[in-house]
Amino acid sequence: MESVEILMREHRTVMLVVQAARRDLEGAGETHEIAEQEVERLLDFFRYFTNSCHDPKEEDLLFTALNRRGLPWDDYPLRELVRDHKEMRVVLDSASDWLPLVRAGDSTATLPLVHDLEIYLDLVERHIAAEESSVFPLVPERLTARDLGELSDAFAAIACEEREEGVHAYYTDLAHELAGAAHT
């Protein structure tokens, strides 16, 4: 179950940033003002930590292992969770597209940027809740000791790579910085 524990720790890190983003966005839709650098850092975190580091562990490793043990890709919950990952990437891309316009002084771009980010945050929260309530409990029921060992080895290899590249530490630190900055 080490792999699930890693994913849950990463969920906690993501939720730190979700909460920070909500605080940063509060009132931005009404004032048409947004902390552009902070939004850029939020987008960076979500794009690289969530989309590039976290989601592949779920889809390529955990979901694939569950699929091998009879959980179908084309039915609940895997179908919805994979669809969520795709939808979150599309919404995040849309939000990212608005930021250069905001930076260029286009105040009409602030509202759609905030709107996209709020949709993204809602999706992330719903998605994490679904994984933790409907997928993670299936792990001990569906996966064998051998499956869990293979998952553990695969997660360890990724963790080693992330440590060597400094990726995980960088984004964990960024999450804590964003959470702290949102309080000030």
N, C-alpha and C. Protein backbone atom coordinates (compact mmCIF):
# COMPACT_ATOMS: atom_id res chain seq x y z
N MET A 1 0.82 -1.21 0.00
CA MET A 1 0.00 0.00 0.00
C MET A 1 0.86 1.27 0.00
N GLU A 2 2.16 1.08 -0.09
CA GLU A 2 3.08 2.21 -0.12
C GLU A 2 2.74 3.17 -1.26
N SER A 3 2.35 2.63 -2.41
CA SER A 3 2.03 3.47 -3.56
C SER A 3 0.82 4.37 -3.26
N VAL A 4 -0.17 3.82 -2.60
CA VAL A 4 -1.35 4.61 -2.24
C VAL A 4 -0.97 5.69 -1.23
N GLU A 5 -0.10 5.36 -0.30
CA GLU A 5 0.36 6.36 0.68
C GLU A 5 1.09 7.51 -0.01
N ILE A 6 1.91 7.18 -1.00
CA ILE A 6 2.61 8.22 -1.76
C ILE A 6 1.61 9.10 -2.48
N LEU A 7 0.63 8.49 -3.14
CA LEU A 7 -0.39 9.27 -3.86
C LEU A 7 -1.19 10.14 -2.89
N MET A 8 -1.49 9.62 -1.73
CA MET A 8 -2.25 10.42 -0.75
C MET A 8 -1.41 11.59 -0.23
N ARG A 9 -0.11 11.37 -0.02
CA ARG A 9 0.76 12.49 0.39
C ARG A 9 0.79 13.55 -0.71
N GLU A 10 0.87 13.08 -1.96
CA GLU A 10 0.86 14.04 -3.07
C GLU A 10 -0.49 14.76 -3.15
N HIS A 11 -1.57 14.07 -2.85
CA HIS A 11 -2.89 14.73 -2.81
C HIS A 11 -2.88 15.84 -1.77
N ARG A 12 -2.28 15.59 -0.60
CA ARG A 12 -2.23 16.62 0.44
C ARG A 12 -1.45 17.84 -0.06
N THR A 13 -0.36 17.58 -0.79
CA THR A 13 0.43 18.69 -1.35
C THR A 13 -0.40 19.47 -2.36
N VAL A 14 -1.09 18.76 -3.22
CA VAL A 14 -1.95 19.42 -4.22
C VAL A 14 -3.03 20.24 -3.52
N MET A 15 -3.62 19.69 -2.48
CA MET A 15 -4.69 20.41 -1.77
C MET A 15 -4.17 21.66 -1.07
N LEU A 16 -2.92 21.66 -0.63
CA LEU A 16 -2.32 22.89 -0.09
C LEU A 16 -2.37 24.00 -1.14
N VAL A 17 -2.03 23.64 -2.36
CA VAL A 17 -1.99 24.63 -3.44
C VAL A 17 -3.40 25.01 -3.87
N VAL A 18 -4.32 24.05 -3.87
CA VAL A 18 -5.71 24.37 -4.18
C VAL A 18 -6.24 25.41 -3.19
N GLN A 19 -5.98 25.21 -1.91
CA GLN A 19 -6.44 26.16 -0.90
C GLN A 19 -5.78 27.52 -1.07
N ALA A 20 -4.48 27.52 -1.37
CA ALA A 20 -3.78 28.78 -1.62
C ALA A 20 -4.37 29.49 -2.83
N ALA A 21 -4.65 28.73 -3.88
CA ALA A 21 -5.23 29.32 -5.09
C ALA A 21 -6.59 29.94 -4.81
N ARG A 22 -7.39 29.24 -4.03
CA ARG A 22 -8.72 29.78 -3.70
C ARG A 22 -8.59 31.12 -2.97
N ARG A 23 -7.64 31.21 -2.05
CA ARG A 23 -7.43 32.47 -1.32
C ARG A 23 -6.94 33.55 -2.27
N ASP A 24 -6.02 33.18 -3.18
CA ASP A 24 -5.48 34.16 -4.11
C ASP A 24 -6.53 34.67 -5.08
N LEU A 25 -7.47 33.80 -5.45
CA LEU A 25 -8.49 34.17 -6.44
C LEU A 25 -9.69 34.88 -5.82
N GLU A 26 -9.81 34.80 -4.51
CA GLU A 26 -10.97 35.40 -3.84
C GLU A 26 -11.07 36.88 -4.18
N GLY A 27 -12.16 37.26 -4.75
CA GLY A 27 -12.40 38.66 -5.09
C GLY A 27 -11.79 39.11 -6.42
N ALA A 28 -10.95 38.30 -7.03
CA ALA A 28 -10.30 38.72 -8.28
C ALA A 28 -11.30 38.91 -9.40
N GLY A 29 -12.35 38.11 -9.43
CA GLY A 29 -13.35 38.25 -10.48
C GLY A 29 -14.08 39.57 -10.41
N GLU A 30 -14.27 40.08 -9.18
CA GLU A 30 -14.97 41.36 -9.03
C GLU A 30 -14.07 42.55 -9.28
N THR A 31 -12.80 42.45 -8.84
CA THR A 31 -11.89 43.59 -8.97
C THR A 31 -11.16 43.61 -10.30
N HIS A 32 -11.20 42.50 -11.03
CA HIS A 32 -10.47 42.35 -12.29
C HIS A 32 -8.97 42.55 -12.10
N GLU A 33 -8.51 42.26 -10.88
CA GLU A 33 -7.08 42.33 -10.58
C GLU A 33 -6.65 40.99 -10.03
N ILE A 34 -5.46 40.59 -10.41
CA ILE A 34 -4.96 39.30 -9.98
C ILE A 34 -3.44 39.41 -9.83
N ALA A 35 -2.90 38.67 -8.87
CA ALA A 35 -1.45 38.63 -8.67
C ALA A 35 -0.86 37.72 -9.75
N GLU A 36 -0.40 38.34 -10.83
CA GLU A 36 0.02 37.58 -12.02
C GLU A 36 1.14 36.60 -11.72
N GLN A 37 2.14 37.02 -10.95
CA GLN A 37 3.25 36.12 -10.64
C GLN A 37 2.79 34.94 -9.82
N GLU A 38 1.87 35.19 -8.92
CA GLU A 38 1.35 34.10 -8.08
C GLU A 38 0.56 33.11 -8.93
N VAL A 39 -0.24 33.63 -9.85
CA VAL A 39 -1.00 32.76 -10.75
C VAL A 39 -0.05 31.95 -11.63
N GLU A 40 1.01 32.57 -12.09
CA GLU A 40 1.98 31.84 -12.90
C GLU A 40 2.60 30.69 -12.09
N ARG A 41 2.89 30.93 -10.83
CA ARG A 41 3.46 29.88 -9.98
C ARG A 41 2.43 28.78 -9.71
N LEU A 42 1.18 29.16 -9.55
CA LEU A 42 0.11 28.15 -9.39
C LEU A 42 0.00 27.28 -10.63
N LEU A 43 -0.03 27.92 -11.78
CA LEU A 43 -0.12 27.17 -13.04
C LEU A 43 1.08 26.25 -13.22
N ASP A 44 2.25 26.74 -12.87
CA ASP A 44 3.47 25.92 -12.96
C ASP A 44 3.34 24.70 -12.07
N PHE A 45 2.90 24.88 -10.85
CA PHE A 45 2.75 23.76 -9.93
C PHE A 45 1.77 22.73 -10.50
N PHE A 46 0.60 23.20 -10.90
CA PHE A 46 -0.43 22.26 -11.38
C PHE A 46 0.02 21.57 -12.67
N ARG A 47 0.66 22.30 -13.55
CA ARG A 47 1.07 21.72 -14.82
C ARG A 47 2.15 20.66 -14.60
N TYR A 48 3.15 20.97 -13.80
CA TYR A 48 4.29 20.06 -13.70
C TYR A 48 4.17 19.05 -12.56
N PHE A 49 3.74 19.48 -11.40
CA PHE A 49 3.63 18.51 -10.31
C PHE A 49 2.42 17.61 -10.51
N THR A 50 1.25 18.22 -10.67
CA THR A 50 0.02 17.43 -10.75
C THR A 50 -0.06 16.66 -12.06
N ASN A 51 0.07 17.37 -13.19
CA ASN A 51 -0.11 16.72 -14.49
C ASN A 51 1.06 15.81 -14.89
N SER A 52 2.29 16.25 -14.62
CA SER A 52 3.44 15.52 -15.13
C SER A 52 4.06 14.53 -14.14
N CYS A 53 3.95 14.81 -12.86
CA CYS A 53 4.54 13.90 -11.86
C CYS A 53 3.49 12.98 -11.24
N HIS A 54 2.38 13.56 -10.81
CA HIS A 54 1.39 12.80 -10.05
C HIS A 54 0.46 11.95 -10.92
N ASP A 55 -0.19 12.57 -11.88
CA ASP A 55 -1.19 11.86 -12.69
C ASP A 55 -0.64 10.62 -13.39
N PRO A 56 0.58 10.66 -13.95
CA PRO A 56 1.09 9.43 -14.58
C PRO A 56 1.26 8.27 -13.59
N LYS A 57 1.57 8.56 -12.35
CA LYS A 57 1.67 7.48 -11.35
C LYS A 57 0.32 6.79 -11.19
N GLU A 58 -0.72 7.59 -11.22
CA GLU A 58 -2.06 7.01 -11.10
C GLU A 58 -2.42 6.22 -12.34
N GLU A 59 -2.39 6.89 -13.49
CA GLU A 59 -2.86 6.25 -14.72
C GLU A 59 -1.96 5.10 -15.18
N ASP A 60 -0.67 5.38 -15.26
CA ASP A 60 0.25 4.40 -15.84
C ASP A 60 0.58 3.25 -14.90
N LEU A 61 0.48 3.50 -13.61
CA LEU A 61 0.87 2.46 -12.66
C LEU A 61 -0.33 1.89 -11.90
N LEU A 62 -0.96 2.70 -11.06
CA LEU A 62 -2.03 2.19 -10.20
C LEU A 62 -3.26 1.75 -11.00
N PHE A 63 -3.76 2.62 -11.86
CA PHE A 63 -4.96 2.27 -12.62
C PHE A 63 -4.69 1.08 -13.54
N THR A 64 -3.50 1.03 -14.12
CA THR A 64 -3.15 -0.10 -14.99
C THR A 64 -3.11 -1.40 -14.20
N ALA A 65 -2.56 -1.36 -13.00
CA ALA A 65 -2.53 -2.56 -12.15
C ALA A 65 -3.95 -3.00 -11.80
N LEU A 66 -4.81 -2.04 -11.47
CA LEU A 66 -6.21 -2.37 -11.15
C LEU A 66 -6.92 -2.93 -12.37
N ASN A 67 -6.62 -2.38 -13.53
CA ASN A 67 -7.21 -2.90 -14.76
C ASN A 67 -6.79 -4.34 -15.01
N ARG A 68 -5.53 -4.65 -14.78
CA ARG A 68 -5.06 -6.03 -14.96
C ARG A 68 -5.79 -7.00 -14.02
N ARG A 69 -6.30 -6.48 -12.92
CA ARG A 69 -7.03 -7.31 -11.95
C ARG A 69 -8.54 -7.16 -12.09
N GLY A 70 -8.98 -6.75 -13.28
CA GLY A 70 -10.41 -6.81 -13.59
C GLY A 70 -11.19 -5.52 -13.54
N LEU A 71 -10.58 -4.42 -13.16
CA LEU A 71 -11.31 -3.15 -13.15
C LEU A 71 -11.26 -2.58 -14.57
N PRO A 72 -12.39 -2.48 -15.25
CA PRO A 72 -12.38 -2.07 -16.67
C PRO A 72 -12.07 -0.59 -16.87
N TRP A 73 -11.35 -0.31 -17.95
CA TRP A 73 -11.05 1.07 -18.32
C TRP A 73 -12.30 1.81 -18.75
N ASP A 74 -13.27 1.10 -19.32
CA ASP A 74 -14.43 1.76 -19.90
C ASP A 74 -15.64 1.79 -18.97
N ASP A 75 -15.41 1.69 -17.68
CA ASP A 75 -16.49 1.73 -16.71
C ASP A 75 -16.03 2.50 -15.48
N TYR A 76 -16.97 2.76 -14.59
CA TYR A 76 -16.67 3.46 -13.35
C TYR A 76 -15.75 2.60 -12.50
N PRO A 77 -14.78 3.13 -11.85
CA PRO A 77 -14.37 4.54 -11.73
C PRO A 77 -13.25 4.96 -12.68
N LEU A 78 -12.54 4.01 -13.30
CA LEU A 78 -11.37 4.37 -14.10
C LEU A 78 -11.72 5.30 -15.26
N ARG A 79 -12.83 5.02 -15.95
CA ARG A 79 -13.21 5.86 -17.08
C ARG A 79 -13.35 7.32 -16.64
N GLU A 80 -14.04 7.55 -15.54
CA GLU A 80 -14.28 8.91 -15.07
C GLU A 80 -12.99 9.57 -14.60
N LEU A 81 -12.13 8.82 -13.93
CA LEU A 81 -10.90 9.41 -13.41
C LEU A 81 -9.94 9.78 -14.52
N VAL A 82 -9.83 8.94 -15.53
CA VAL A 82 -8.98 9.26 -16.68
C VAL A 82 -9.57 10.46 -17.42
N ARG A 83 -10.88 10.48 -17.57
CA ARG A 83 -11.55 11.62 -18.21
C ARG A 83 -11.30 12.91 -17.40
N ASP A 84 -11.34 12.80 -16.07
CA ASP A 84 -11.03 13.96 -15.23
C ASP A 84 -9.63 14.50 -15.52
N HIS A 85 -8.65 13.60 -15.59
CA HIS A 85 -7.27 14.04 -15.87
C HIS A 85 -7.22 14.82 -17.18
N LYS A 86 -7.89 14.32 -18.20
CA LYS A 86 -7.90 15.01 -19.51
C LYS A 86 -8.60 16.35 -19.40
N GLU A 87 -9.75 16.37 -18.74
CA GLU A 87 -10.50 17.62 -18.60
C GLU A 87 -9.71 18.65 -17.81
N MET A 88 -9.03 18.21 -16.75
CA MET A 88 -8.22 19.14 -15.96
C MET A 88 -7.10 19.74 -16.80
N ARG A 89 -6.47 18.94 -17.66
CA ARG A 89 -5.40 19.47 -18.52
C ARG A 89 -5.96 20.51 -19.50
N VAL A 90 -7.13 20.26 -20.06
CA VAL A 90 -7.74 21.20 -21.00
C VAL A 90 -8.08 22.52 -20.30
N VAL A 91 -8.67 22.44 -19.13
CA VAL A 91 -9.05 23.65 -18.39
C VAL A 91 -7.80 24.42 -17.96
N LEU A 92 -6.77 23.71 -17.53
CA LEU A 92 -5.53 24.36 -17.13
C LEU A 92 -4.86 25.04 -18.33
N ASP A 93 -4.89 24.38 -19.49
CA ASP A 93 -4.36 25.00 -20.71
C ASP A 93 -5.13 26.28 -21.04
N SER A 94 -6.43 26.24 -20.89
CA SER A 94 -7.25 27.42 -21.16
C SER A 94 -6.87 28.56 -20.21
N ALA A 95 -6.74 28.24 -18.93
CA ALA A 95 -6.34 29.27 -17.96
C ALA A 95 -4.98 29.84 -18.34
N SER A 96 -4.06 28.97 -18.72
CA SER A 96 -2.72 29.42 -19.10
C SER A 96 -2.76 30.35 -20.31
N ASP A 97 -3.69 30.11 -21.20
CA ASP A 97 -3.81 30.95 -22.40
C ASP A 97 -4.24 32.39 -22.05
N TRP A 98 -4.97 32.55 -20.95
CA TRP A 98 -5.44 33.88 -20.57
C TRP A 98 -4.36 34.72 -19.88
N LEU A 99 -3.41 34.06 -19.23
CA LEU A 99 -2.42 34.80 -18.45
C LEU A 99 -1.60 35.80 -19.27
N PRO A 100 -1.11 35.47 -20.46
CA PRO A 100 -0.37 36.48 -21.23
C PRO A 100 -1.20 37.72 -21.56
N LEU A 101 -2.49 37.51 -21.77
CA LEU A 101 -3.37 38.66 -22.05
C LEU A 101 -3.51 39.54 -20.81
N VAL A 102 -3.64 38.91 -19.65
CA VAL A 102 -3.71 39.66 -18.40
C VAL A 102 -2.42 40.44 -18.21
N ARG A 103 -1.29 39.78 -18.44
CA ARG A 103 0.02 40.44 -18.29
C ARG A 103 0.18 41.62 -19.25
N ALA A 104 -0.45 41.51 -20.42
CA ALA A 104 -0.36 42.58 -21.41
C ALA A 104 -1.30 43.74 -21.10
N GLY A 105 -2.05 43.63 -19.99
CA GLY A 105 -2.93 44.72 -19.58
C GLY A 105 -4.37 44.59 -20.00
N ASP A 106 -4.75 43.46 -20.56
CA ASP A 106 -6.13 43.24 -20.99
C ASP A 106 -6.96 42.84 -19.77
N SER A 107 -7.65 43.80 -19.18
CA SER A 107 -8.42 43.54 -17.96
C SER A 107 -9.61 42.62 -18.22
N THR A 108 -10.05 42.53 -19.49
CA THR A 108 -11.17 41.63 -19.79
C THR A 108 -10.75 40.16 -19.74
N ALA A 109 -9.45 39.89 -19.70
CA ALA A 109 -8.96 38.51 -19.65
C ALA A 109 -8.92 37.97 -18.22
N THR A 110 -9.03 38.84 -17.23
CA THR A 110 -8.93 38.39 -15.84
C THR A 110 -10.09 37.48 -15.47
N LEU A 111 -11.29 37.87 -15.83
CA LEU A 111 -12.47 37.08 -15.46
C LEU A 111 -12.42 35.67 -16.04
N PRO A 112 -12.13 35.49 -17.34
CA PRO A 112 -12.05 34.12 -17.85
C PRO A 112 -10.90 33.32 -17.22
N LEU A 113 -9.79 33.98 -16.89
CA LEU A 113 -8.68 33.29 -16.23
C LEU A 113 -9.12 32.79 -14.86
N VAL A 114 -9.76 33.65 -14.11
CA VAL A 114 -10.24 33.27 -12.78
C VAL A 114 -11.29 32.17 -12.90
N HIS A 115 -12.18 32.31 -13.86
CA HIS A 115 -13.23 31.30 -14.08
C HIS A 115 -12.61 29.93 -14.37
N ASP A 116 -11.66 29.89 -15.29
CA ASP A 116 -11.01 28.62 -15.63
C ASP A 116 -10.29 28.02 -14.42
N LEU A 117 -9.60 28.86 -13.67
CA LEU A 117 -8.90 28.35 -12.48
C LEU A 117 -9.88 27.82 -11.44
N GLU A 118 -10.99 28.50 -11.26
CA GLU A 118 -11.99 28.01 -10.29
C GLU A 118 -12.57 26.67 -10.74
N ILE A 119 -12.84 26.53 -12.03
CA ILE A 119 -13.32 25.25 -12.55
C ILE A 119 -12.27 24.17 -12.30
N TYR A 120 -11.01 24.50 -12.59
CA TYR A 120 -9.92 23.55 -12.38
C TYR A 120 -9.85 23.12 -10.92
N LEU A 121 -9.91 24.07 -10.02
CA LEU A 121 -9.82 23.75 -8.58
C LEU A 121 -10.98 22.86 -8.15
N ASP A 122 -12.18 23.14 -8.64
CA ASP A 122 -13.33 22.28 -8.33
C ASP A 122 -13.12 20.86 -8.84
N LEU A 123 -12.60 20.76 -10.07
CA LEU A 123 -12.32 19.43 -10.64
C LEU A 123 -11.30 18.67 -9.81
N VAL A 124 -10.24 19.35 -9.41
CA VAL A 124 -9.19 18.70 -8.62
C VAL A 124 -9.76 18.18 -7.30
N GLU A 125 -10.51 19.01 -6.62
CA GLU A 125 -11.08 18.59 -5.32
C GLU A 125 -12.01 17.39 -5.49
N ARG A 126 -12.87 17.45 -6.48
CA ARG A 126 -13.80 16.34 -6.73
C ARG A 126 -13.04 15.07 -7.11
N HIS A 127 -12.03 15.24 -7.94
CA HIS A 127 -11.24 14.11 -8.43
C HIS A 127 -10.50 13.42 -7.28
N ILE A 128 -9.85 14.18 -6.45
CA ILE A 128 -9.12 13.61 -5.31
C ILE A 128 -10.08 12.87 -4.39
N ALA A 129 -11.23 13.45 -4.12
CA ALA A 129 -12.22 12.79 -3.26
C ALA A 129 -12.67 11.47 -3.88
N ALA A 130 -12.88 11.45 -5.19
CA ALA A 130 -13.31 10.22 -5.87
C ALA A 130 -12.23 9.15 -5.80
N GLU A 131 -10.99 9.54 -6.03
CA GLU A 131 -9.91 8.54 -5.96
C GLU A 131 -9.79 7.96 -4.56
N GLU A 132 -9.83 8.83 -3.59
CA GLU A 132 -9.63 8.36 -2.22
C GLU A 132 -10.81 7.55 -1.69
N SER A 133 -11.99 7.82 -2.20
CA SER A 133 -13.16 7.07 -1.70
C SER A 133 -13.50 5.85 -2.54
N SER A 134 -13.20 5.88 -3.85
CA SER A 134 -13.65 4.75 -4.68
C SER A 134 -12.53 3.92 -5.29
N VAL A 135 -11.32 4.44 -5.42
CA VAL A 135 -10.24 3.66 -6.02
C VAL A 135 -9.28 3.12 -4.98
N PHE A 136 -8.81 3.98 -4.11
CA PHE A 136 -7.81 3.54 -3.14
C PHE A 136 -8.29 2.37 -2.28
N PRO A 137 -9.57 2.34 -1.87
CA PRO A 137 -10.04 1.18 -1.10
C PRO A 137 -10.02 -0.13 -1.90
N LEU A 138 -10.02 -0.04 -3.23
CA LEU A 138 -9.99 -1.24 -4.06
C LEU A 138 -8.60 -1.89 -4.11
N VAL A 139 -7.59 -1.13 -3.78
CA VAL A 139 -6.21 -1.62 -3.90
C VAL A 139 -5.99 -2.90 -3.09
N PRO A 140 -6.30 -2.91 -1.79
CA PRO A 140 -6.06 -4.15 -1.04
C PRO A 140 -7.02 -5.29 -1.44
N GLU A 141 -8.18 -4.92 -1.98
CA GLU A 141 -9.15 -5.94 -2.39
C GLU A 141 -8.75 -6.60 -3.71
N ARG A 142 -8.21 -5.82 -4.63
CA ARG A 142 -7.97 -6.30 -5.99
C ARG A 142 -6.53 -6.75 -6.26
N LEU A 143 -5.58 -6.07 -5.65
CA LEU A 143 -4.19 -6.33 -5.99
C LEU A 143 -3.56 -7.37 -5.08
N THR A 144 -2.74 -8.19 -5.69
CA THR A 144 -2.03 -9.24 -4.95
C THR A 144 -0.78 -8.64 -4.29
N ALA A 145 -0.16 -9.41 -3.43
CA ALA A 145 1.10 -8.98 -2.81
C ALA A 145 2.15 -8.72 -3.89
N ARG A 146 2.16 -9.54 -4.91
CA ARG A 146 3.11 -9.34 -6.00
C ARG A 146 2.83 -8.03 -6.74
N ASP A 147 1.54 -7.77 -7.01
CA ASP A 147 1.16 -6.51 -7.65
C ASP A 147 1.64 -5.32 -6.83
N LEU A 148 1.40 -5.40 -5.52
CA LEU A 148 1.79 -4.30 -4.63
C LEU A 148 3.30 -4.12 -4.62
N GLY A 149 4.03 -5.23 -4.64
CA GLY A 149 5.49 -5.15 -4.70
C GLY A 149 5.97 -4.50 -5.98
N GLU A 150 5.36 -4.88 -7.10
CA GLU A 150 5.73 -4.28 -8.39
C GLU A 150 5.41 -2.78 -8.41
N LEU A 151 4.26 -2.43 -7.86
CA LEU A 151 3.90 -1.01 -7.77
C LEU A 151 4.90 -0.26 -6.90
N SER A 152 5.23 -0.84 -5.78
CA SER A 152 6.19 -0.23 -4.87
C SER A 152 7.53 -0.01 -5.57
N ASP A 153 7.99 -1.00 -6.32
CA ASP A 153 9.25 -0.87 -7.05
C ASP A 153 9.17 0.24 -8.10
N ALA A 154 8.06 0.28 -8.82
CA ALA A 154 7.88 1.30 -9.86
C ALA A 154 7.83 2.70 -9.24
N PHE A 155 7.12 2.84 -8.12
CA PHE A 155 7.05 4.13 -7.44
C PHE A 155 8.42 4.52 -6.90
N ALA A 156 9.16 3.56 -6.38
CA ALA A 156 10.50 3.84 -5.85
C ALA A 156 11.43 4.32 -6.97
N ALA A 157 11.33 3.71 -8.14
CA ALA A 157 12.16 4.12 -9.27
C ALA A 157 11.84 5.56 -9.68
N ILE A 158 10.55 5.89 -9.71
CA ILE A 158 10.14 7.26 -10.06
C ILE A 158 10.62 8.23 -8.98
N ALA A 159 10.46 7.85 -7.72
CA ALA A 159 10.88 8.72 -6.61
C ALA A 159 12.38 9.00 -6.69
N CYS A 160 13.14 7.97 -7.02
CA CYS A 160 14.59 8.13 -7.16
C CYS A 160 14.92 9.11 -8.27
N GLU A 161 14.25 8.97 -9.39
CA GLU A 161 14.43 9.87 -10.53
C GLU A 161 14.05 11.30 -10.16
N GLU A 162 12.92 11.45 -9.47
CA GLU A 162 12.45 12.78 -9.07
C GLU A 162 13.43 13.42 -8.08
N ARG A 163 13.98 12.60 -7.16
CA ARG A 163 14.96 13.13 -6.20
C ARG A 163 16.22 13.58 -6.92
N GLU A 164 16.71 12.75 -7.83
CA GLU A 164 17.92 13.10 -8.57
C GLU A 164 17.75 14.39 -9.35
N GLU A 165 16.59 14.57 -9.93
CA GLU A 165 16.33 15.78 -10.72
C GLU A 165 15.89 16.95 -9.84
N GLY A 166 15.58 16.69 -8.58
CA GLY A 166 15.14 17.73 -7.67
C GLY A 166 13.71 18.18 -7.89
N VAL A 167 12.98 17.45 -8.71
CA VAL A 167 11.63 17.85 -9.10
C VAL A 167 10.67 17.82 -7.91
N HIS A 168 10.63 16.70 -7.22
CA HIS A 168 9.66 16.54 -6.12
C HIS A 168 9.93 17.57 -5.02
N ALA A 169 11.19 17.74 -4.66
CA ALA A 169 11.53 18.70 -3.61
C ALA A 169 11.16 20.12 -4.03
N TYR A 170 11.46 20.45 -5.29
CA TYR A 170 11.15 21.79 -5.79
C TYR A 170 9.66 22.08 -5.67
N TYR A 171 8.83 21.14 -6.16
CA TYR A 171 7.39 21.40 -6.17
C TYR A 171 6.76 21.27 -4.79
N THR A 172 7.32 20.44 -3.94
CA THR A 172 6.82 20.39 -2.56
C THR A 172 7.13 21.71 -1.86
N ASP A 173 8.35 22.22 -2.05
CA ASP A 173 8.71 23.53 -1.48
C ASP A 173 7.83 24.63 -2.05
N LEU A 174 7.59 24.58 -3.37
CA LEU A 174 6.74 25.58 -4.00
C LEU A 174 5.33 25.54 -3.41
N ALA A 175 4.81 24.34 -3.19
CA ALA A 175 3.47 24.20 -2.59
C ALA A 175 3.42 24.89 -1.24
N HIS A 176 4.44 24.68 -0.43
CA HIS A 176 4.47 25.31 0.90
C HIS A 176 4.67 26.81 0.82
N GLU A 177 5.47 27.26 -0.15
CA GLU A 177 5.62 28.71 -0.37
C GLU A 177 4.29 29.34 -0.77
N LEU A 178 3.60 28.69 -1.71
CA LEU A 178 2.31 29.21 -2.17
C LEU A 178 1.30 29.25 -1.03
N ALA A 179 1.29 28.20 -0.24
CA ALA A 179 0.37 28.15 0.90
C ALA A 179 0.69 29.25 1.89
N GLY A 180 1.98 29.49 2.13
CA GLY A 180 2.40 30.55 3.05
C GLY A 180 2.13 31.92 2.48
N ALA A 181 2.39 32.10 1.18
CA ALA A 181 2.16 33.40 0.54
C ALA A 181 0.69 33.76 0.52
N ALA A 182 -0.16 32.75 0.44
CA ALA A 182 -1.59 33.01 0.40
C ALA A 182 -2.09 33.55 1.73
N HIS A 183 -1.36 33.28 2.80
CA HIS A 183 -1.77 33.76 4.12
C HIS A 183 -1.42 35.21 4.33
N THR A 184 -0.45 35.73 3.57
CA THR A 184 0.01 37.10 3.83
C THR A 184 -0.84 38.13 3.14
